Protein backbone atom coordinates (compact mmCIF):
# COMPACT_ATOMS: atom_id res chain seq x y z
CA UNK A 1 0.00 0.00 0.00
CA UNK A 2 2.80 2.42 0.83
CA UNK A 3 4.39 1.79 -2.59
CA UNK A 4 1.04 2.57 -4.23
CA UNK A 5 0.70 5.82 -2.25
CA UNK A 6 4.23 6.82 -3.31
CA UNK A 7 3.31 6.01 -6.94
CA UNK A 8 6.03 3.34 -7.13
CA UNK A 9 3.40 0.95 -8.49
CA UNK A 10 0.51 1.91 -10.75
CA UNK A 11 -2.03 -0.85 -10.08
CA UNK A 12 -3.46 -2.04 -6.79
CA UNK A 13 -5.78 -5.01 -6.43
CA UNK A 14 -7.82 -5.08 -3.24
CA UNK A 15 -10.77 -6.84 -1.67
CA UNK A 16 -13.67 -4.84 -0.23
CA UNK A 17 -12.19 -5.24 3.24
CA UNK A 18 -8.78 -3.98 2.15
CA UNK A 19 -10.31 -1.21 0.05
CA UNK A 20 -11.97 0.28 3.12
CA UNK A 21 -8.52 1.22 4.41
CA UNK A 22 -7.31 2.79 1.20
CA UNK A 23 -7.00 6.54 1.43
CA UNK A 24 -5.26 7.60 -1.76
CA UNK A 25 -6.07 10.71 -3.73
CA UNK A 26 -5.92 11.28 -7.47
CA UNK A 27 -6.93 7.80 -8.58
CA UNK A 28 -7.59 7.79 -12.29
CA UNK A 29 -9.86 4.75 -12.32
CA UNK A 30 -11.35 1.96 -10.24
CA UNK A 31 -12.20 -1.37 -11.86
CA UNK A 32 -14.85 -3.55 -10.22
CA UNK A 33 -14.68 -7.19 -11.20
CA UNK A 34 -17.77 -7.96 -9.18
CA UNK A 35 -20.61 -6.03 -7.65
CA UNK A 36 -20.76 -5.88 -3.87
CA UNK A 37 -23.97 -7.00 -2.20
CA UNK A 38 -24.27 -3.69 -0.35
CA UNK A 39 -24.87 -0.49 -2.34
CA UNK A 40 -22.82 1.53 0.14
CA UNK A 41 -19.79 -0.72 -0.45
CA UNK A 42 -20.04 0.09 -4.15
CA UNK A 43 -20.17 3.81 -3.42
CA UNK A 44 -17.16 3.43 -1.12
CA UNK A 45 -15.22 1.62 -3.87
CA UNK A 46 -15.86 4.13 -6.61
CA UNK A 47 -15.44 7.03 -4.21
CA UNK A 48 -11.70 6.52 -4.53
CA UNK A 49 -11.89 8.50 -7.78
CA UNK A 50 -13.10 12.04 -8.38
CA UNK A 51 -12.33 13.30 -4.89
CA UNK A 52 -12.19 17.00 -4.15
CA UNK A 53 -13.72 17.93 -7.49
CA UNK A 54 -11.23 15.91 -9.56
CA UNK A 55 -12.20 13.67 -12.45
CA UNK A 56 -12.15 9.91 -12.20
CA UNK A 57 -13.70 6.85 -13.78
CA UNK A 58 -15.26 3.70 -12.38
CA UNK A 59 -15.65 0.59 -14.51
CA UNK A 60 -17.76 -2.36 -13.42
CA UNK A 61 -17.78 -5.65 -15.29
CA UNK A 62 -21.20 -7.29 -15.19
CA UNK A 63 -22.84 -10.26 -16.85
CA UNK A 64 -26.29 -11.78 -16.79
CA UNK A 65 -28.44 -10.96 -13.79
CA UNK A 66 -25.84 -8.56 -12.36
CA UNK A 67 -27.39 -5.94 -14.64
CA UNK A 68 -30.28 -5.69 -12.17
CA UNK A 69 -27.82 -4.86 -9.37
CA UNK A 70 -26.46 -2.02 -11.49
CA UNK A 71 -29.98 -0.62 -11.77
CA UNK A 72 -30.35 -0.76 -7.98
CA UNK A 73 -27.03 1.03 -7.54
CA UNK A 74 -28.11 3.72 -10.01
CA UNK A 75 -31.24 4.33 -7.94
CA UNK A 76 -29.24 4.38 -4.70
CA UNK A 77 -26.59 6.78 -6.04
CA UNK A 78 -29.01 8.83 -8.14
CA UNK A 79 -26.58 8.56 -11.03
CA UNK A 80 -26.44 7.04 -14.50
CA UNK A 81 -24.11 4.15 -15.25
CA UNK A 82 -23.47 3.86 -18.96
CA UNK A 83 -23.39 0.34 -20.39
CA UNK A 84 -20.65 -0.34 -22.90
CA UNK A 85 -19.17 -3.46 -24.40
CA UNK A 86 -15.66 -4.51 -23.46
CA UNK A 87 -13.33 -3.55 -26.32
CA UNK A 88 -11.83 -6.38 -28.35
CA UNK A 89 -8.10 -6.85 -28.74
CA UNK A 90 -8.48 -5.48 -32.25
CA UNK A 91 -10.19 -2.34 -30.90
CA UNK A 92 -7.37 -1.78 -28.41
CA UNK A 93 -4.72 -2.29 -31.07
CA UNK A 94 -6.40 0.26 -33.37
CA UNK A 95 -6.57 2.84 -30.58
CA UNK A 96 -2.93 2.27 -29.63
CA UNK A 97 -1.82 2.55 -33.25
CA UNK A 98 -3.81 5.75 -33.81
CA UNK A 99 -2.40 7.23 -30.60
CA UNK A 100 1.14 6.37 -31.69
CA UNK A 101 0.59 7.98 -35.11
CA UNK A 102 -0.80 11.13 -33.47
CA UNK A 103 2.29 11.27 -31.24
CA UNK A 104 4.54 10.93 -34.30
CA UNK A 105 2.69 13.79 -36.00
CA UNK A 106 3.07 15.97 -32.91
CA UNK A 107 6.82 15.31 -32.78
CA UNK A 108 7.23 16.09 -36.48
CA UNK A 109 5.17 19.28 -36.11
CA UNK A 110 7.27 20.38 -33.11
CA UNK A 111 10.47 20.09 -35.16
CA UNK A 112 13.94 19.86 -33.60
CA UNK A 113 14.68 16.58 -35.40
CA UNK A 114 18.11 17.51 -36.79
CA UNK A 115 20.14 14.86 -34.97
CA UNK A 116 17.59 12.17 -35.79
CA UNK A 117 17.33 13.26 -39.41
CA UNK A 118 21.10 12.80 -39.69
CA UNK A 119 20.76 9.22 -38.43
CA UNK A 120 18.06 8.48 -40.98
CA UNK A 121 20.23 9.99 -43.73
CA UNK A 122 23.01 7.57 -42.75
CA UNK A 123 20.63 4.65 -43.27
CA UNK A 124 19.47 6.07 -46.60
CA UNK A 125 23.12 6.21 -47.71
CA UNK A 126 23.26 2.48 -46.96
CA UNK A 127 20.50 1.93 -49.55
CA UNK A 128 17.49 1.88 -47.21
CA UNK A 129 14.52 4.01 -48.20
CA UNK A 130 13.12 6.60 -45.81
CA UNK A 131 9.79 4.77 -46.00
CA UNK A 132 11.41 1.49 -44.89
CA UNK A 133 13.22 3.24 -42.03
CA UNK A 134 10.02 4.94 -40.84
CA UNK A 135 8.05 1.68 -41.12
CA UNK A 136 10.72 -0.23 -39.15
CA UNK A 137 10.72 2.40 -36.39
CA UNK A 138 6.93 2.30 -36.14
CA UNK A 139 7.03 -1.50 -36.02
CA UNK A 140 9.57 -1.33 -33.19
CA UNK A 141 7.37 1.08 -31.23
CA UNK A 142 4.17 -0.92 -31.75
CA UNK A 143 5.87 -4.24 -30.89
CA UNK A 144 7.46 -2.65 -27.81
CA UNK A 145 4.06 -1.62 -26.43
C-alpha atoms as a PDB file:
ATOM      1  CA  UNK A   1       0.000   0.000   0.000  1.00  0.00           C
ATOM      2  CA  UNK A   2       2.800   2.416   0.826  1.00  0.00           C
ATOM      3  CA  UNK A   3       4.393   1.790  -2.593  1.00  0.00           C
ATOM      4  CA  UNK A   4       1.035   2.572  -4.231  1.00  0.00           C
ATOM      5  CA  UNK A   5       0.704   5.821  -2.250  1.00  0.00           C
ATOM      6  CA  UNK A   6       4.232   6.819  -3.315  1.00  0.00           C
ATOM      7  CA  UNK A   7       3.311   6.014  -6.942  1.00  0.00           C
ATOM      8  CA  UNK A   8       6.033   3.342  -7.133  1.00  0.00           C
ATOM      9  CA  UNK A   9       3.402   0.954  -8.490  1.00  0.00           C
ATOM     10  CA  UNK A  10       0.505   1.909 -10.751  1.00  0.00           C
ATOM     11  CA  UNK A  11      -2.027  -0.854 -10.076  1.00  0.00           C
ATOM     12  CA  UNK A  12      -3.457  -2.042  -6.786  1.00  0.00           C
ATOM     13  CA  UNK A  13      -5.775  -5.015  -6.434  1.00  0.00           C
ATOM     14  CA  UNK A  14      -7.816  -5.082  -3.236  1.00  0.00           C
ATOM     15  CA  UNK A  15     -10.768  -6.837  -1.670  1.00  0.00           C
ATOM     16  CA  UNK A  16     -13.667  -4.841  -0.231  1.00  0.00           C
ATOM     17  CA  UNK A  17     -12.190  -5.243   3.242  1.00  0.00           C
ATOM     18  CA  UNK A  18      -8.776  -3.976   2.149  1.00  0.00           C
ATOM     19  CA  UNK A  19     -10.311  -1.210   0.047  1.00  0.00           C
ATOM     20  CA  UNK A  20     -11.970   0.277   3.120  1.00  0.00           C
ATOM     21  CA  UNK A  21      -8.525   1.224   4.407  1.00  0.00           C
ATOM     22  CA  UNK A  22      -7.306   2.792   1.198  1.00  0.00           C
ATOM     23  CA  UNK A  23      -7.003   6.542   1.429  1.00  0.00           C
ATOM     24  CA  UNK A  24      -5.261   7.596  -1.757  1.00  0.00           C
ATOM     25  CA  UNK A  25      -6.065  10.714  -3.730  1.00  0.00           C
ATOM     26  CA  UNK A  26      -5.922  11.280  -7.475  1.00  0.00           C
ATOM     27  CA  UNK A  27      -6.930   7.798  -8.583  1.00  0.00           C
ATOM     28  CA  UNK A  28      -7.594   7.786 -12.293  1.00  0.00           C
ATOM     29  CA  UNK A  29      -9.856   4.747 -12.316  1.00  0.00           C
ATOM     30  CA  UNK A  30     -11.355   1.963 -10.237  1.00  0.00           C
ATOM     31  CA  UNK A  31     -12.204  -1.370 -11.858  1.00  0.00           C
ATOM     32  CA  UNK A  32     -14.850  -3.549 -10.220  1.00  0.00           C
ATOM     33  CA  UNK A  33     -14.682  -7.188 -11.202  1.00  0.00           C
ATOM     34  CA  UNK A  34     -17.771  -7.964  -9.180  1.00  0.00           C
ATOM     35  CA  UNK A  35     -20.611  -6.029  -7.653  1.00  0.00           C
ATOM     36  CA  UNK A  36     -20.761  -5.885  -3.865  1.00  0.00           C
ATOM     37  CA  UNK A  37     -23.972  -6.997  -2.200  1.00  0.00           C
ATOM     38  CA  UNK A  38     -24.269  -3.687  -0.348  1.00  0.00           C
ATOM     39  CA  UNK A  39     -24.875  -0.489  -2.342  1.00  0.00           C
ATOM     40  CA  UNK A  40     -22.823   1.527   0.143  1.00  0.00           C
ATOM     41  CA  UNK A  41     -19.793  -0.720  -0.455  1.00  0.00           C
ATOM     42  CA  UNK A  42     -20.043   0.089  -4.152  1.00  0.00           C
ATOM     43  CA  UNK A  43     -20.167   3.814  -3.425  1.00  0.00           C
ATOM     44  CA  UNK A  44     -17.164   3.428  -1.123  1.00  0.00           C
ATOM     45  CA  UNK A  45     -15.219   1.619  -3.868  1.00  0.00           C
ATOM     46  CA  UNK A  46     -15.862   4.134  -6.610  1.00  0.00           C
ATOM     47  CA  UNK A  47     -15.444   7.027  -4.205  1.00  0.00           C
ATOM     48  CA  UNK A  48     -11.703   6.522  -4.535  1.00  0.00           C
ATOM     49  CA  UNK A  49     -11.885   8.495  -7.777  1.00  0.00           C
ATOM     50  CA  UNK A  50     -13.099  12.037  -8.384  1.00  0.00           C
ATOM     51  CA  UNK A  51     -12.330  13.303  -4.893  1.00  0.00           C
ATOM     52  CA  UNK A  52     -12.189  16.998  -4.151  1.00  0.00           C
ATOM     53  CA  UNK A  53     -13.720  17.930  -7.492  1.00  0.00           C
ATOM     54  CA  UNK A  54     -11.227  15.913  -9.556  1.00  0.00           C
ATOM     55  CA  UNK A  55     -12.201  13.668 -12.446  1.00  0.00           C
ATOM     56  CA  UNK A  56     -12.155   9.908 -12.198  1.00  0.00           C
ATOM     57  CA  UNK A  57     -13.700   6.849 -13.779  1.00  0.00           C
ATOM     58  CA  UNK A  58     -15.264   3.704 -12.379  1.00  0.00           C
ATOM     59  CA  UNK A  59     -15.648   0.586 -14.508  1.00  0.00           C
ATOM     60  CA  UNK A  60     -17.759  -2.359 -13.420  1.00  0.00           C
ATOM     61  CA  UNK A  61     -17.784  -5.649 -15.295  1.00  0.00           C
ATOM     62  CA  UNK A  62     -21.204  -7.295 -15.195  1.00  0.00           C
ATOM     63  CA  UNK A  63     -22.841 -10.257 -16.845  1.00  0.00           C
ATOM     64  CA  UNK A  64     -26.285 -11.781 -16.786  1.00  0.00           C
ATOM     65  CA  UNK A  65     -28.435 -10.964 -13.793  1.00  0.00           C
ATOM     66  CA  UNK A  66     -25.843  -8.557 -12.356  1.00  0.00           C
ATOM     67  CA  UNK A  67     -27.388  -5.935 -14.639  1.00  0.00           C
ATOM     68  CA  UNK A  68     -30.283  -5.694 -12.173  1.00  0.00           C
ATOM     69  CA  UNK A  69     -27.825  -4.861  -9.368  1.00  0.00           C
ATOM     70  CA  UNK A  70     -26.464  -2.022 -11.495  1.00  0.00           C
ATOM     71  CA  UNK A  71     -29.985  -0.619 -11.771  1.00  0.00           C
ATOM     72  CA  UNK A  72     -30.348  -0.757  -7.978  1.00  0.00           C
ATOM     73  CA  UNK A  73     -27.032   1.027  -7.539  1.00  0.00           C
ATOM     74  CA  UNK A  74     -28.109   3.718 -10.009  1.00  0.00           C
ATOM     75  CA  UNK A  75     -31.240   4.326  -7.941  1.00  0.00           C
ATOM     76  CA  UNK A  76     -29.241   4.380  -4.698  1.00  0.00           C
ATOM     77  CA  UNK A  77     -26.589   6.776  -6.038  1.00  0.00           C
ATOM     78  CA  UNK A  78     -29.009   8.832  -8.142  1.00  0.00           C
ATOM     79  CA  UNK A  79     -26.581   8.559 -11.032  1.00  0.00           C
ATOM     80  CA  UNK A  80     -26.436   7.044 -14.497  1.00  0.00           C
ATOM     81  CA  UNK A  81     -24.110   4.147 -15.252  1.00  0.00           C
ATOM     82  CA  UNK A  82     -23.468   3.857 -18.963  1.00  0.00           C
ATOM     83  CA  UNK A  83     -23.391   0.335 -20.393  1.00  0.00           C
ATOM     84  CA  UNK A  84     -20.645  -0.343 -22.901  1.00  0.00           C
ATOM     85  CA  UNK A  85     -19.171  -3.460 -24.399  1.00  0.00           C
ATOM     86  CA  UNK A  86     -15.663  -4.513 -23.463  1.00  0.00           C
ATOM     87  CA  UNK A  87     -13.333  -3.553 -26.323  1.00  0.00           C
ATOM     88  CA  UNK A  88     -11.833  -6.379 -28.351  1.00  0.00           C
ATOM     89  CA  UNK A  89      -8.102  -6.854 -28.735  1.00  0.00           C
ATOM     90  CA  UNK A  90      -8.484  -5.477 -32.250  1.00  0.00           C
ATOM     91  CA  UNK A  91     -10.195  -2.342 -30.896  1.00  0.00           C
ATOM     92  CA  UNK A  92      -7.374  -1.784 -28.405  1.00  0.00           C
ATOM     93  CA  UNK A  93      -4.716  -2.290 -31.074  1.00  0.00           C
ATOM     94  CA  UNK A  94      -6.400   0.257 -33.366  1.00  0.00           C
ATOM     95  CA  UNK A  95      -6.572   2.838 -30.582  1.00  0.00           C
ATOM     96  CA  UNK A  96      -2.931   2.270 -29.626  1.00  0.00           C
ATOM     97  CA  UNK A  97      -1.819   2.548 -33.253  1.00  0.00           C
ATOM     98  CA  UNK A  98      -3.815   5.754 -33.807  1.00  0.00           C
ATOM     99  CA  UNK A  99      -2.396   7.235 -30.597  1.00  0.00           C
ATOM    100  CA  UNK A 100       1.145   6.373 -31.691  1.00  0.00           C
ATOM    101  CA  UNK A 101       0.592   7.975 -35.106  1.00  0.00           C
ATOM    102  CA  UNK A 102      -0.796  11.130 -33.471  1.00  0.00           C
ATOM    103  CA  UNK A 103       2.289  11.272 -31.238  1.00  0.00           C
ATOM    104  CA  UNK A 104       4.543  10.932 -34.301  1.00  0.00           C
ATOM    105  CA  UNK A 105       2.693  13.795 -36.000  1.00  0.00           C
ATOM    106  CA  UNK A 106       3.065  15.967 -32.908  1.00  0.00           C
ATOM    107  CA  UNK A 107       6.817  15.315 -32.777  1.00  0.00           C
ATOM    108  CA  UNK A 108       7.235  16.086 -36.483  1.00  0.00           C
ATOM    109  CA  UNK A 109       5.171  19.280 -36.115  1.00  0.00           C
ATOM    110  CA  UNK A 110       7.266  20.378 -33.114  1.00  0.00           C
ATOM    111  CA  UNK A 111      10.475  20.091 -35.155  1.00  0.00           C
ATOM    112  CA  UNK A 112      13.945  19.858 -33.603  1.00  0.00           C
ATOM    113  CA  UNK A 113      14.679  16.579 -35.397  1.00  0.00           C
ATOM    114  CA  UNK A 114      18.108  17.514 -36.794  1.00  0.00           C
ATOM    115  CA  UNK A 115      20.139  14.862 -34.971  1.00  0.00           C
ATOM    116  CA  UNK A 116      17.586  12.175 -35.790  1.00  0.00           C
ATOM    117  CA  UNK A 117      17.329  13.258 -39.409  1.00  0.00           C
ATOM    118  CA  UNK A 118      21.098  12.799 -39.691  1.00  0.00           C
ATOM    119  CA  UNK A 119      20.757   9.217 -38.428  1.00  0.00           C
ATOM    120  CA  UNK A 120      18.055   8.483 -40.982  1.00  0.00           C
ATOM    121  CA  UNK A 121      20.226   9.992 -43.729  1.00  0.00           C
ATOM    122  CA  UNK A 122      23.010   7.568 -42.749  1.00  0.00           C
ATOM    123  CA  UNK A 123      20.634   4.646 -43.267  1.00  0.00           C
ATOM    124  CA  UNK A 124      19.475   6.067 -46.600  1.00  0.00           C
ATOM    125  CA  UNK A 125      23.125   6.211 -47.714  1.00  0.00           C
ATOM    126  CA  UNK A 126      23.260   2.479 -46.956  1.00  0.00           C
ATOM    127  CA  UNK A 127      20.503   1.933 -49.552  1.00  0.00           C
ATOM    128  CA  UNK A 128      17.494   1.885 -47.211  1.00  0.00           C
ATOM    129  CA  UNK A 129      14.516   4.007 -48.197  1.00  0.00           C
ATOM    130  CA  UNK A 130      13.118   6.596 -45.811  1.00  0.00           C
ATOM    131  CA  UNK A 131       9.788   4.768 -45.997  1.00  0.00           C
ATOM    132  CA  UNK A 132      11.413   1.494 -44.890  1.00  0.00           C
ATOM    133  CA  UNK A 133      13.224   3.245 -42.029  1.00  0.00           C
ATOM    134  CA  UNK A 134      10.024   4.942 -40.843  1.00  0.00           C
ATOM    135  CA  UNK A 135       8.046   1.676 -41.119  1.00  0.00           C
ATOM    136  CA  UNK A 136      10.722  -0.226 -39.155  1.00  0.00           C
ATOM    137  CA  UNK A 137      10.724   2.405 -36.394  1.00  0.00           C
ATOM    138  CA  UNK A 138       6.928   2.299 -36.143  1.00  0.00           C
ATOM    139  CA  UNK A 139       7.026  -1.505 -36.016  1.00  0.00           C
ATOM    140  CA  UNK A 140       9.571  -1.325 -33.186  1.00  0.00           C
ATOM    141  CA  UNK A 141       7.369   1.080 -31.234  1.00  0.00           C
ATOM    142  CA  UNK A 142       4.172  -0.924 -31.747  1.00  0.00           C
ATOM    143  CA  UNK A 143       5.870  -4.236 -30.891  1.00  0.00           C
ATOM    144  CA  UNK A 144       7.457  -2.651 -27.811  1.00  0.00           C
ATOM    145  CA  UNK A 145       4.062  -1.621 -26.435  1.00  0.00           C
END
